[in-house]
PDB file of N, CA and C in Angstrom:
ATOM      1  N   MET A   1      88.841 133.054  84.268  1.00  0.00           N
ATOM      2  CA  MET A   1      88.030 132.200  85.111  1.00  0.00           C
ATOM      3  C   MET A   1      86.825 132.997  85.598  1.00  0.00           C
ATOM      4  N   ARG A   2      85.681 132.395  85.463  1.00  0.00           N
ATOM      5  CA  ARG A   2      84.453 133.069  85.884  1.00  0.00           C
ATOM      6  C   ARG A   2      84.208 132.812  87.372  1.00  0.00           C
ATOM      7  N   TYR A   3      83.585 133.779  88.006  1.00  0.00           N
ATOM      8  CA  TYR A   3      83.276 133.658  89.428  1.00  0.00           C
ATOM      9  C   TYR A   3      82.018 134.462  89.723  1.00  0.00           C
ATOM     10  N   TRP A   4      81.444 134.228  90.874  1.00  0.00           N
ATOM     11  CA  TRP A   4      80.269 134.971  91.307  1.00  0.00           C
ATOM     12  C   TRP A   4      80.696 135.980  92.371  1.00  0.00           C
ATOM     13  N   PRO A   5      80.643 137.269  92.054  1.00  0.00           N
ATOM     14  CA  PRO A   5      81.006 138.285  93.053  1.00  0.00           C
ATOM     15  C   PRO A   5      79.883 138.483  94.074  1.00  0.00           C
ATOM     16  N   VAL A   6      80.263 138.561  95.332  1.00  0.00           N
ATOM     17  CA  VAL A   6      79.302 138.750  96.419  1.00  0.00           C
ATOM     18  C   VAL A   6      79.846 139.834  97.339  1.00  0.00           C
ATOM     19  N   THR A   7      79.009 140.808  97.683  1.00  0.00           N
ATOM     20  CA  THR A   7      79.407 141.829  98.656  1.00  0.00           C
ATOM     21  C   THR A   7      78.940 141.380 100.034  1.00  0.00           C
ATOM     22  N   TRP A   8      79.857 141.399 100.985  1.00  0.00           N
ATOM     23  CA  TRP A   8      79.558 141.001 102.356  1.00  0.00           C
ATOM     24  C   TRP A   8      80.280 141.989 103.267  1.00  0.00           C
ATOM     25  N   ARG A   9      79.561 142.975 103.729  1.00  0.00           N
ATOM     26  CA  ARG A   9      80.156 144.082 104.491  1.00  0.00           C
ATOM     27  C   ARG A   9      80.806 143.645 105.805  1.00  0.00           C
ATOM     28  N   ARG A  10      80.384 142.522 106.351  1.00  0.00           N
ATOM     29  CA  ARG A  10      80.951 142.058 107.625  1.00  0.00           C
ATOM     30  C   ARG A  10      82.122 141.093 107.428  1.00  0.00           C
ATOM     31  N   LEU A  11      82.604 141.010 106.209  1.00  0.00           N
ATOM     32  CA  LEU A  11      83.741 140.143 105.895  1.00  0.00           C
ATOM     33  C   LEU A  11      84.950 140.584 106.722  1.00  0.00           C
ATOM     34  N   PRO A  12      85.655 139.649 107.363  1.00  0.00           N
ATOM     35  CA  PRO A  12      86.802 140.036 108.196  1.00  0.00           C
ATOM     36  C   PRO A  12      88.035 140.474 107.401  1.00  0.00           C
ATOM     37  N   ALA A  13      88.031 140.255 106.088  1.00  0.00           N
ATOM     38  CA  ALA A  13      89.140 140.671 105.218  1.00  0.00           C
ATOM     39  C   ALA A  13      88.573 141.547 104.107  1.00  0.00           C
ATOM     40  N   ASN A  14      89.432 142.170 103.314  1.00  0.00           N
ATOM     41  CA  ASN A  14      88.950 142.979 102.187  1.00  0.00           C
ATOM     42  C   ASN A  14      88.249 142.131 101.145  1.00  0.00           C
ATOM     43  N   ALA A  15      88.770 140.931 100.922  1.00  0.00           N
ATOM     44  CA  ALA A  15      88.178 140.012  99.952  1.00  0.00           C
ATOM     45  C   ALA A  15      88.533 138.587 100.353  1.00  0.00           C
ATOM     46  N   MET A  16      87.757 137.643  99.809  1.00  0.00           N
ATOM     47  CA  MET A  16      87.993 136.240 100.113  1.00  0.00           C
ATOM     48  C   MET A  16      87.496 135.395  98.945  1.00  0.00           C
ATOM     49  N   ALA A  17      88.293 134.436  98.542  1.00  0.00           N
ATOM     50  CA  ALA A  17      87.924 133.533  97.453  1.00  0.00           C
ATOM     51  C   ALA A  17      87.518 132.186  98.034  1.00  0.00           C
ATOM     52  N   VAL A  18      86.287 131.800  97.767  1.00  0.00           N
ATOM     53  CA  VAL A  18      85.777 130.482  98.137  1.00  0.00           C
ATOM     54  C   VAL A  18      85.105 129.959  96.876  1.00  0.00           C
ATOM     55  N   PHE A  19      85.860 129.203  96.088  1.00  0.00           N
ATOM     56  CA  PHE A  19      85.410 128.814  94.755  1.00  0.00           C
ATOM     57  C   PHE A  19      83.982 128.290  94.774  1.00  0.00           C
ATOM     58  N   PRO A  20      83.122 128.824  93.902  1.00  0.00           N
ATOM     59  CA  PRO A  20      83.283 129.778  92.808  1.00  0.00           C
ATOM     60  C   PRO A  20      82.895 131.216  93.183  1.00  0.00           C
ATOM     61  N   PHE A  21      82.856 131.510  94.485  1.00  0.00           N
ATOM     62  CA  PHE A  21      82.444 132.836  94.940  1.00  0.00           C
ATOM     63  C   PHE A  21      83.654 133.694  95.286  1.00  0.00           C
ATOM     64  N   MET A  22      83.542 134.978  94.989  1.00  0.00           N
ATOM     65  CA  MET A  22      84.553 135.933  95.400  1.00  0.00           C
ATOM     66  C   MET A  22      83.826 136.969  96.254  1.00  0.00           C
ATOM     67  N   PHE A  23      84.127 136.968  97.537  1.00  0.00           N
ATOM     68  CA  PHE A  23      83.483 137.869  98.482  1.00  0.00           C
ATOM     69  C   PHE A  23      84.287 139.158  98.599  1.00  0.00           C
ATOM     70  N   PHE A  24      83.572 140.279  98.619  1.00  0.00           N
ATOM     71  CA  PHE A  24      84.185 141.596  98.758  1.00  0.00           C
ATOM     72  C   PHE A  24      83.546 142.319  99.932  1.00  0.00           C
ATOM     73  N   LYS A  25      84.354 143.031 100.693  1.00  0.00           N
ATOM     74  CA  LYS A  25      83.846 143.807 101.815  1.00  0.00           C
ATOM     75  C   LYS A  25      83.085 145.037 101.326  1.00  0.00           C
ATOM     76  N   ASP A  26      83.557 145.625 100.237  1.00  0.00           N
ATOM     77  CA  ASP A  26      82.979 146.858  99.700  1.00  0.00           C
ATOM     78  C   ASP A  26      82.624 146.639  98.227  1.00  0.00           C
ATOM     79  N   PRO A  27      81.455 147.105  97.780  1.00  0.00           N
ATOM     80  CA  PRO A  27      81.062 146.898  96.378  1.00  0.00           C
ATOM     81  C   PRO A  27      82.052 147.477  95.371  1.00  0.00           C
ATOM     82  N   GLY A  28      82.749 148.542  95.722  1.00  0.00           N
ATOM     83  CA  GLY A  28      83.715 149.159  94.821  1.00  0.00           C
ATOM     84  C   GLY A  28      84.910 148.266  94.521  1.00  0.00           C
ATOM     85  N   GLN A  29      85.159 147.298  95.390  1.00  0.00           N
ATOM     86  CA  GLN A  29      86.295 146.394  95.204  1.00  0.00           C
ATOM     87  C   GLN A  29      86.079 145.417  94.053  1.00  0.00           C
ATOM     88  N   LYS A  30      84.850 145.299  93.597  1.00  0.00           N
ATOM     89  CA  LYS A  30      84.549 144.382  92.492  1.00  0.00           C
ATOM     90  C   LYS A  30      85.228 144.808  91.196  1.00  0.00           C
ATOM     91  N   ASN A  31      85.753 146.024  91.156  1.00  0.00           N
ATOM     92  CA  ASN A  31      86.453 146.535  89.975  1.00  0.00           C
ATOM     93  C   ASN A  31      87.961 146.651  90.183  1.00  0.00           C
ATOM     94  N   ASP A  32      88.452 146.204  91.319  1.00  0.00           N
ATOM     95  CA  ASP A  32      89.878 146.284  91.646  1.00  0.00           C
ATOM     96  C   ASP A  32      90.607 145.098  91.006  1.00  0.00           C
ATOM     97  N   THR A  33      91.256 145.338  89.874  1.00  0.00           N
ATOM     98  CA  THR A  33      91.878 144.243  89.113  1.00  0.00           C
ATOM     99  C   THR A  33      92.992 143.544  89.895  1.00  0.00           C
ATOM    100  N   LEU A  34      93.739 144.280  90.694  1.00  0.00           N
ATOM    101  CA  LEU A  34      94.799 143.683  91.502  1.00  0.00           C
ATOM    102  C   LEU A  34      94.208 142.722  92.534  1.00  0.00           C
ATOM    103  N   LEU A  35      93.175 143.169  93.224  1.00  0.00           N
ATOM    104  CA  LEU A  35      92.514 142.345  94.232  1.00  0.00           C
ATOM    105  C   LEU A  35      91.874 141.113  93.590  1.00  0.00           C
ATOM    106  N   ILE A  36      91.237 141.302  92.457  1.00  0.00           N
ATOM    107  CA  ILE A  36      90.607 140.184  91.745  1.00  0.00           C
ATOM    108  C   ILE A  36      91.664 139.179  91.295  1.00  0.00           C
ATOM    109  N   ASN A  37      92.782 139.654  90.784  1.00  0.00           N
ATOM    110  CA  ASN A  37      93.855 138.751  90.358  1.00  0.00           C
ATOM    111  C   ASN A  37      94.399 137.965  91.551  1.00  0.00           C
ATOM    112  N   HIS A  38      94.551 138.633  92.686  1.00  0.00           N
ATOM    113  CA  HIS A  38      95.011 137.974  93.914  1.00  0.00           C
ATOM    114  C   HIS A  38      94.058 136.831  94.283  1.00  0.00           C
ATOM    115  N   GLU A  39      92.772 137.113  94.255  1.00  0.00           N
ATOM    116  CA  GLU A  39      91.776 136.099  94.623  1.00  0.00           C
ATOM    117  C   GLU A  39      91.687 134.992  93.580  1.00  0.00           C
ATOM    118  N   LYS A  40      91.896 135.321  92.313  1.00  0.00           N
ATOM    119  CA  LYS A  40      91.897 134.288  91.265  1.00  0.00           C
ATOM    120  C   LYS A  40      93.066 133.322  91.453  1.00  0.00           C
ATOM    121  N   ILE A  41      94.183 133.834  91.922  1.00  0.00           N
ATOM    122  CA  ILE A  41      95.315 132.951  92.226  1.00  0.00           C
ATOM    123  C   ILE A  41      94.889 131.936  93.281  1.00  0.00           C
ATOM    124  N   HIS A  42      94.124 132.394  94.271  1.00  0.00           N
ATOM    125  CA  HIS A  42      93.600 131.470  95.286  1.00  0.00           C
ATOM    126  C   HIS A  42      92.641 130.452  94.669  1.00  0.00           C
ATOM    127  N   PHE A  43      91.851 130.853  93.688  1.00  0.00           N
ATOM    128  CA  PHE A  43      90.976 129.892  92.998  1.00  0.00           C
ATOM    129  C   PHE A  43      91.798 128.761  92.391  1.00  0.00           C
ATOM    130  N   TYR A  44      92.877 129.113  91.713  1.00  0.00           N
ATOM    131  CA  TYR A  44      93.730 128.096  91.090  1.00  0.00           C
ATOM    132  C   TYR A  44      94.326 127.174  92.151  1.00  0.00           C
ATOM    133  N   GLN A  45      94.751 127.744  93.259  1.00  0.00           N
ATOM    134  CA  GLN A  45      95.300 126.942  94.351  1.00  0.00           C
ATOM    135  C   GLN A  45      94.237 125.981  94.892  1.00  0.00           C
ATOM    136  N   GLN A  46      93.025 126.492  95.071  1.00  0.00           N
ATOM    137  CA  GLN A  46      91.935 125.669  95.592  1.00  0.00           C
ATOM    138  C   GLN A  46      91.606 124.522  94.650  1.00  0.00           C
ATOM    139  N   LEU A  47      91.527 124.823  93.361  1.00  0.00           N
ATOM    140  CA  LEU A  47      91.156 123.802  92.382  1.00  0.00           C
ATOM    141  C   LEU A  47      92.221 122.719  92.237  1.00  0.00           C
ATOM    142  N   GLU A  48      93.485 123.098  92.268  1.00  0.00           N
ATOM    143  CA  GLU A  48      94.526 122.081  92.104  1.00  0.00           C
ATOM    144  C   GLU A  48      94.610 121.165  93.322  1.00  0.00           C
ATOM    145  N   LEU A  49      94.108 121.617  94.454  1.00  0.00           N
ATOM    146  CA  LEU A  49      94.088 120.781  95.660  1.00  0.00           C
ATOM    147  C   LEU A  49      92.694 120.213  95.943  1.00  0.00           C
ATOM    148  N   LEU A  50      91.791 120.356  94.984  1.00  0.00           N
ATOM    149  CA  LEU A  50      90.420 119.842  95.100  1.00  0.00           C
ATOM    150  C   LEU A  50      89.650 120.477  96.261  1.00  0.00           C
ATOM    151  N   ILE A  51      89.856 121.718  96.486  1.00  0.00           N
ATOM    152  CA  ILE A  51      89.164 122.641  97.384  1.00  0.00           C
ATOM    153  C   ILE A  51      89.328 122.325  98.875  1.00  0.00           C
ATOM    154  N   ILE A  52      88.761 121.249  99.390  1.00  0.00           N
ATOM    155  CA  ILE A  52      88.810 120.981 100.834  1.00  0.00           C
ATOM    156  C   ILE A  52      90.253 120.833 101.346  1.00  0.00           C
ATOM    157  N   PRO A  53      91.117 120.061 100.694  1.00  0.00           N
ATOM    158  CA  PRO A  53      92.508 119.990 101.176  1.00  0.00           C
ATOM    159  C   PRO A  53      93.210 121.351 101.192  1.00  0.00           C
ATOM    160  N   PHE A  54      92.813 122.247 100.286  1.00  0.00           N
ATOM    161  CA  PHE A  54      93.381 123.598 100.298  1.00  0.00           C
ATOM    162  C   PHE A  54      93.133 124.259 101.651  1.00  0.00           C
ATOM    163  N   TYR A  55      91.892 124.193 102.127  1.00  0.00           N
ATOM    164  CA  TYR A  55      91.554 124.854 103.390  1.00  0.00           C
ATOM    165  C   TYR A  55      92.244 124.188 104.574  1.00  0.00           C
ATOM    166  N   ILE A  56      92.382 122.884 104.530  1.00  0.00           N
ATOM    167  CA  ILE A  56      93.094 122.177 105.603  1.00  0.00           C
ATOM    168  C   ILE A  56      94.553 122.632 105.640  1.00  0.00           C
ATOM    169  N   LEU A  57      95.204 122.642 104.476  1.00  0.00           N
ATOM    170  CA  LEU A  57      96.604 123.086 104.408  1.00  0.00           C
ATOM    171  C   LEU A  57      96.750 124.562 104.766  1.00  0.00           C
ATOM    172  N   TYR A  58      95.790 125.374 104.346  1.00  0.00           N
ATOM    173  CA  TYR A  58      95.818 126.811 104.638  1.00  0.00           C
ATOM    174  C   TYR A  58      95.800 127.030 106.154  1.00  0.00           C
ATOM    175  N   VAL A  59      94.861 126.378 106.829  1.00  0.00           N
ATOM    176  CA  VAL A  59      94.735 126.542 108.284  1.00  0.00           C
ATOM    177  C   VAL A  59      95.959 125.970 109.002  1.00  0.00           C
ATOM    178  N   LEU A  60      96.429 124.806 108.575  1.00  0.00           N
ATOM    179  CA  LEU A  60      97.631 124.226 109.196  1.00  0.00           C
ATOM    180  C   LEU A  60      98.845 125.132 109.025  1.00  0.00           C
ATOM    181  N   ASN A  61      99.010 125.659 107.821  1.00  0.00           N
ATOM    182  CA  ASN A  61     100.122 126.578 107.549  1.00  0.00           C
ATOM    183  C   ASN A  61     100.015 127.820 108.434  1.00  0.00           C
ATOM    184  N   TYR A  62      98.800 128.336 108.586  1.00  0.00           N
ATOM    185  CA  TYR A  62      98.582 129.503 109.446  1.00  0.00           C
ATOM    186  C   TYR A  62      98.925 129.173 110.905  1.00  0.00           C
ATOM    187  N   LEU A  63      98.444 128.035 111.395  1.00  0.00           N
ATOM    188  CA  LEU A  63      98.680 127.669 112.795  1.00  0.00           C
ATOM    189  C   LEU A  63     100.168 127.455 113.086  1.00  0.00           C
ATOM    190  N   VAL A  64     100.869 126.796 112.178  1.00  0.00           N
ATOM    191  CA  VAL A  64     102.320 126.619 112.342  1.00  0.00           C
ATOM    192  C   VAL A  64     103.004 127.983 112.378  1.00  0.00           C
ATOM    193  N   ASN A  65     102.584 128.866 111.483  1.00  0.00           N
ATOM    194  CA  ASN A  65     103.166 130.217 111.446  1.00  0.00           C
ATOM    195  C   ASN A  65     102.832 131.008 112.706  1.00  0.00           C
ATOM    196  N   LEU A  66     101.632 130.814 113.226  1.00  0.00           N
ATOM    197  CA  LEU A  66     101.227 131.528 114.437  1.00  0.00           C
ATOM    198  C   LEU A  66     102.089 131.093 115.624  1.00  0.00           C
ATOM    199  N   ILE A  67     102.359 129.808 115.715  1.00  0.00           N
ATOM    200  CA  ILE A  67     103.250 129.304 116.769  1.00  0.00           C
ATOM    201  C   ILE A  67     104.664 129.843 116.547  1.00  0.00           C
ATOM    202  N   ARG A  68     105.080 129.838 115.301  1.00  0.00           N
ATOM    203  CA  ARG A  68     106.437 130.276 114.939  1.00  0.00           C
ATOM    204  C   ARG A  68     106.664 131.767 115.193  1.00  0.00           C
ATOM    205  N   PHE A  69     105.701 132.598 114.774  1.00  0.00           N
ATOM    206  CA  PHE A  69     105.880 134.054 114.849  1.00  0.00           C
ATOM    207  C   PHE A  69     105.163 134.714 116.031  1.00  0.00           C
ATOM    208  N   ARG A  70     104.163 134.027 116.597  1.00  0.00           N
ATOM    209  CA  ARG A  70     103.364 134.569 117.706  1.00  0.00           C
ATOM    210  C   ARG A  70     102.754 135.928 117.374  1.00  0.00           C
ATOM    211  N   ASN A  71     102.330 136.040 116.113  1.00  0.00           N
ATOM    212  CA  ASN A  71     101.766 137.298 115.626  1.00  0.00           C
ATOM    213  C   ASN A  71     100.841 136.974 114.453  1.00  0.00           C
ATOM    214  N   HIS A  72      99.572 137.401 114.553  1.00  0.00           N
ATOM    215  CA  HIS A  72      98.592 137.078 113.506  1.00  0.00           C
ATOM    216  C   HIS A  72      99.026 137.577 112.132  1.00  0.00           C
ATOM    217  N   SER A  73      99.434 138.824 112.050  1.00  0.00           N
ATOM    218  CA  SER A  73      99.787 139.423 110.766  1.00  0.00           C
ATOM    219  C   SER A  73     100.958 138.692 110.111  1.00  0.00           C
ATOM    220  N   LYS A  74     101.998 138.422 110.887  1.00  0.00           N
ATOM    221  CA  LYS A  74     103.155 137.698 110.341  1.00  0.00           C
ATOM    222  C   LYS A  74     102.757 136.284 109.931  1.00  0.00           C
ATOM    223  N   ALA A  75     101.913 135.656 110.746  1.00  0.00           N
ATOM    224  CA  ALA A  75     101.464 134.296 110.428  1.00  0.00           C
ATOM    225  C   ALA A  75     100.683 134.288 109.120  1.00  0.00           C
ATOM    226  N   TYR A  76      99.791 135.251 108.948  1.00  0.00           N
ATOM    227  CA  TYR A  76      98.983 135.338 107.724  1.00  0.00           C
ATOM    228  C   TYR A  76      99.854 135.583 106.491  1.00  0.00           C
ATOM    229  N   PHE A  77     100.727 136.572 106.564  1.00  0.00           N
ATOM    230  CA  PHE A  77     101.543 136.923 105.396  1.00  0.00           C
ATOM    231  C   PHE A  77     102.600 135.870 105.062  1.00  0.00           C
ATOM    232  N   ASN A  78     102.822 134.921 105.951  1.00  0.00           N
ATOM    233  CA  ASN A  78     103.769 133.846 105.676  1.00  0.00           C
ATOM    234  C   ASN A  78     103.101 132.525 105.300  1.00  0.00           C
ATOM    235  N   ILE A  79     101.793 132.536 105.116  1.00  0.00           N
ATOM    236  CA  ILE A  79     101.107 131.362 104.576  1.00  0.00           C
ATOM    237  C   ILE A  79     101.568 131.226 103.130  1.00  0.00           C
ATOM    238  N   SER A  80     101.992 130.041 102.745  1.00  0.00           N
ATOM    239  CA  SER A  80     102.563 129.855 101.402  1.00  0.00           C
ATOM    240  C   SER A  80     101.595 130.270 100.298  1.00  0.00           C
ATOM    241  N   PHE A  81     100.309 130.028 100.475  1.00  0.00           N
ATOM    242  CA  PHE A  81      99.318 130.412  99.466  1.00  0.00           C
ATOM    243  C   PHE A  81      99.240 131.931  99.329  1.00  0.00           C
ATOM    244  N   GLU A  82      99.327 132.623 100.460  1.00  0.00           N
ATOM    245  CA  GLU A  82      99.292 134.090 100.434  1.00  0.00           C
ATOM    246  C   GLU A  82     100.588 134.649  99.846  1.00  0.00           C
ATOM    247  N   LYS A  83     101.707 134.026 100.169  1.00  0.00           N
ATOM    248  CA  LYS A  83     102.989 134.489  99.620  1.00  0.00           C
ATOM    249  C   LYS A  83     102.971 134.433  98.096  1.00  0.00           C
ATOM    250  N   GLU A  84     102.457 133.325  97.551  1.00  0.00           N
ATOM    251  CA  GLU A  84     102.370 133.220  96.091  1.00  0.00           C
ATOM    252  C   GLU A  84     101.435 134.286  95.528  1.00  0.00           C
ATOM    253  N   ALA A  85     100.273 134.454  96.144  1.00  0.00           N
ATOM    254  CA  ALA A  85      99.289 135.416  95.644  1.00  0.00           C
ATOM    255  C   ALA A  85      99.820 136.849  95.715  1.00  0.00           C
ATOM    256  N   TYR A  86     100.410 137.231  96.834  1.00  0.00           N
ATOM    257  CA  TYR A  86     100.948 138.593  96.954  1.00  0.00           C
ATOM    258  C   TYR A  86     102.145 138.821  96.031  1.00  0.00           C
ATOM    259  N   ALA A  87     102.962 137.800  95.838  1.00  0.00           N
ATOM    260  CA  ALA A  87     104.146 137.947  94.979  1.00  0.00           C
ATOM    261  C   ALA A  87     103.773 138.126  93.509  1.00  0.00           C
ATOM    262  N   ASN A  88     102.579 137.665  93.129  1.00  0.00           N
ATOM    263  CA  ASN A  88     102.221 137.650  91.710  1.00  0.00           C
ATOM    264  C   ASN A  88     100.925 138.376  91.360  1.00  0.00           C
ATOM    265  N   ASP A  89     100.280 139.012  92.325  1.00  0.00           N
ATOM    266  CA  ASP A  89      98.977 139.622  92.026  1.00  0.00           C
ATOM    267  C   ASP A  89      99.063 140.830  91.096  1.00  0.00           C
ATOM    268  N   GLN A  90     100.233 141.423  90.948  1.00  0.00           N
ATOM    269  CA  GLN A  90     100.378 142.555  90.022  1.00  0.00           C
ATOM    270  C   GLN A  90     100.657 142.101  88.593  1.00  0.00           C
ATOM    271  N   ASN A  91     100.993 140.839  88.427  1.00  0.00           N
ATOM    272  CA  ASN A  91     101.273 140.279  87.106  1.00  0.00           C
ATOM    273  C   ASN A  91      99.980 139.687  86.543  1.00  0.00           C
ATOM    274  N   MET A  92      99.327 140.427  85.666  1.00  0.00           N
ATOM    275  CA  MET A  92      98.034 139.999  85.136  1.00  0.00           C
ATOM    276  C   MET A  92      98.144 138.803  84.185  1.00  0.00           C
ATOM    277  N   LYS A  93      99.359 138.435  83.804  1.00  0.00           N
ATOM    278  CA  LYS A  93      99.562 137.272  82.931  1.00  0.00           C
ATOM    279  C   LYS A  93     100.038 136.048  83.720  1.00  0.00           C
ATOM    280  N   TYR A  94     100.174 136.206  85.015  1.00  0.00           N
ATOM    281  CA  TYR A  94     100.716 135.133  85.849  1.00  0.00           C
ATOM    282  C   TYR A  94      99.932 133.829  85.714  1.00  0.00           C
ATOM    283  N   LEU A  95      98.625 133.907  85.753  1.00  0.00           N
ATOM    284  CA  LEU A  95      97.815 132.690  85.732  1.00  0.00           C
ATOM    285  C   LEU A  95      97.897 131.941  84.406  1.00  0.00           C
ATOM    286  N   LYS A  96      98.250 132.638  83.345  1.00  0.00           N
ATOM    287  CA  LYS A  96      98.413 131.974  82.041  1.00  0.00           C
ATOM    288  C   LYS A  96      99.671 131.104  82.015  1.00  0.00           C
ATOM    289  N   ASN A  97     100.681 131.478  82.806  1.00  0.00           N
ATOM    290  CA  ASN A  97     101.965 130.770  82.811  1.00  0.00           C
ATOM    291  C   ASN A  97     102.228 129.984  84.092  1.00  0.00           C
ATOM    292  N   ARG A  98     101.319 130.073  85.037  1.00  0.00           N
ATOM    293  CA  ARG A  98     101.528 129.451  86.346  1.00  0.00           C
ATOM    294  C   ARG A  98     101.613 127.930  86.226  1.00  0.00           C
ATOM    295  N   LYS A  99     102.604 127.371  86.908  1.00  0.00           N
ATOM    296  CA  LYS A  99     102.760 125.920  86.952  1.00  0.00           C
ATOM    297  C   LYS A  99     101.958 125.365  88.135  1.00  0.00           C
ATOM    298  N   LEU A 100     101.545 124.121  88.025  1.00  0.00           N
ATOM    299  CA  LEU A 100     100.820 123.475  89.116  1.00  0.00           C
ATOM    300  C   LEU A 100     101.644 123.499  90.405  1.00  0.00           C
ATOM    301  N   TYR A 101     100.957 123.676  91.502  1.00  0.00           N
ATOM    302  CA  TYR A 101     101.562 123.664  92.833  1.00  0.00           C
ATOM    303  C   TYR A 101     102.673 124.693  92.999  1.00  0.00           C
ATOM    304  N   SER A 102     102.522 125.825  92.353  1.00  0.00           N
ATOM    305  CA  SER A 102     103.525 126.894  92.471  1.00  0.00           C
ATOM    306  C   SER A 102     103.647 127.417  93.896  1.00  0.00           C
ATOM    307  N   TRP A 103     102.600 127.291  94.680  1.00  0.00           N
ATOM    308  CA  TRP A 103     102.618 127.745  96.069  1.00  0.00           C
ATOM    309  C   TRP A 103     103.655 126.974  96.887  1.00  0.00           C
ATOM    310  N   PHE A 104     104.010 125.767  96.437  1.00  0.00           N
ATOM    311  CA  PHE A 104     104.919 124.910  97.196  1.00  0.00           C
ATOM    312  C   PHE A 104     106.289 125.556  97.400  1.00  0.00           C
ATOM    313  N   LYS A 105     106.748 126.317  96.400  1.00  0.00           N
ATOM    314  CA  LYS A 105     108.074 126.944  96.534  1.00  0.00           C
ATOM    315  C   LYS A 105     108.073 128.088  97.550  1.00  0.00           C
ATOM    316  N   TYR A 106     106.891 128.514  97.991  1.00  0.00           N
ATOM    317  CA  TYR A 106     106.785 129.576  99.000  1.00  0.00           C
ATOM    318  C   TYR A 106     106.580 129.002 100.407  1.00  0.00           C
ATOM    319  N   LEU A 107     106.647 127.686 100.524  1.00  0.00           N
ATOM    320  CA  LEU A 107     106.327 127.045 101.801  1.00  0.00           C
ATOM    321  C   LEU A 107     107.239 127.514 102.933  1.00  0.00           C
ATOM    322  N   TYR A 108     108.557 127.530 102.721  1.00  0.00           N
ATOM    323  CA  TYR A 108     109.479 128.027 103.763  1.00  0.00           C
ATOM    324  C   TYR A 108     110.702 128.588 103.141  1.00  0.00           C
TER     325      TYR A 108
END
């Protein structure tokens, strides 16, 4: 999948996928295959949900987790989209075999 890499030093995270852009905090991260694969997984999630619903579900999932865990880090790492991406970002063939809505099995 093609994307437009953008360096944004004030990015609050190391990287962020906002289809079709992939934002990186540091220019050197543009060559980090693990990070790129993680963000590409987010691209697939965004596209299967037609982009805007992805962000609505992402924020809702985060807010529910924040209430549940009362901790930003735990809330973030328990977002179903992030769980799928972190669980599979080391598998460079994951996106070739990924089934639609795979993030759903990481919901709870």
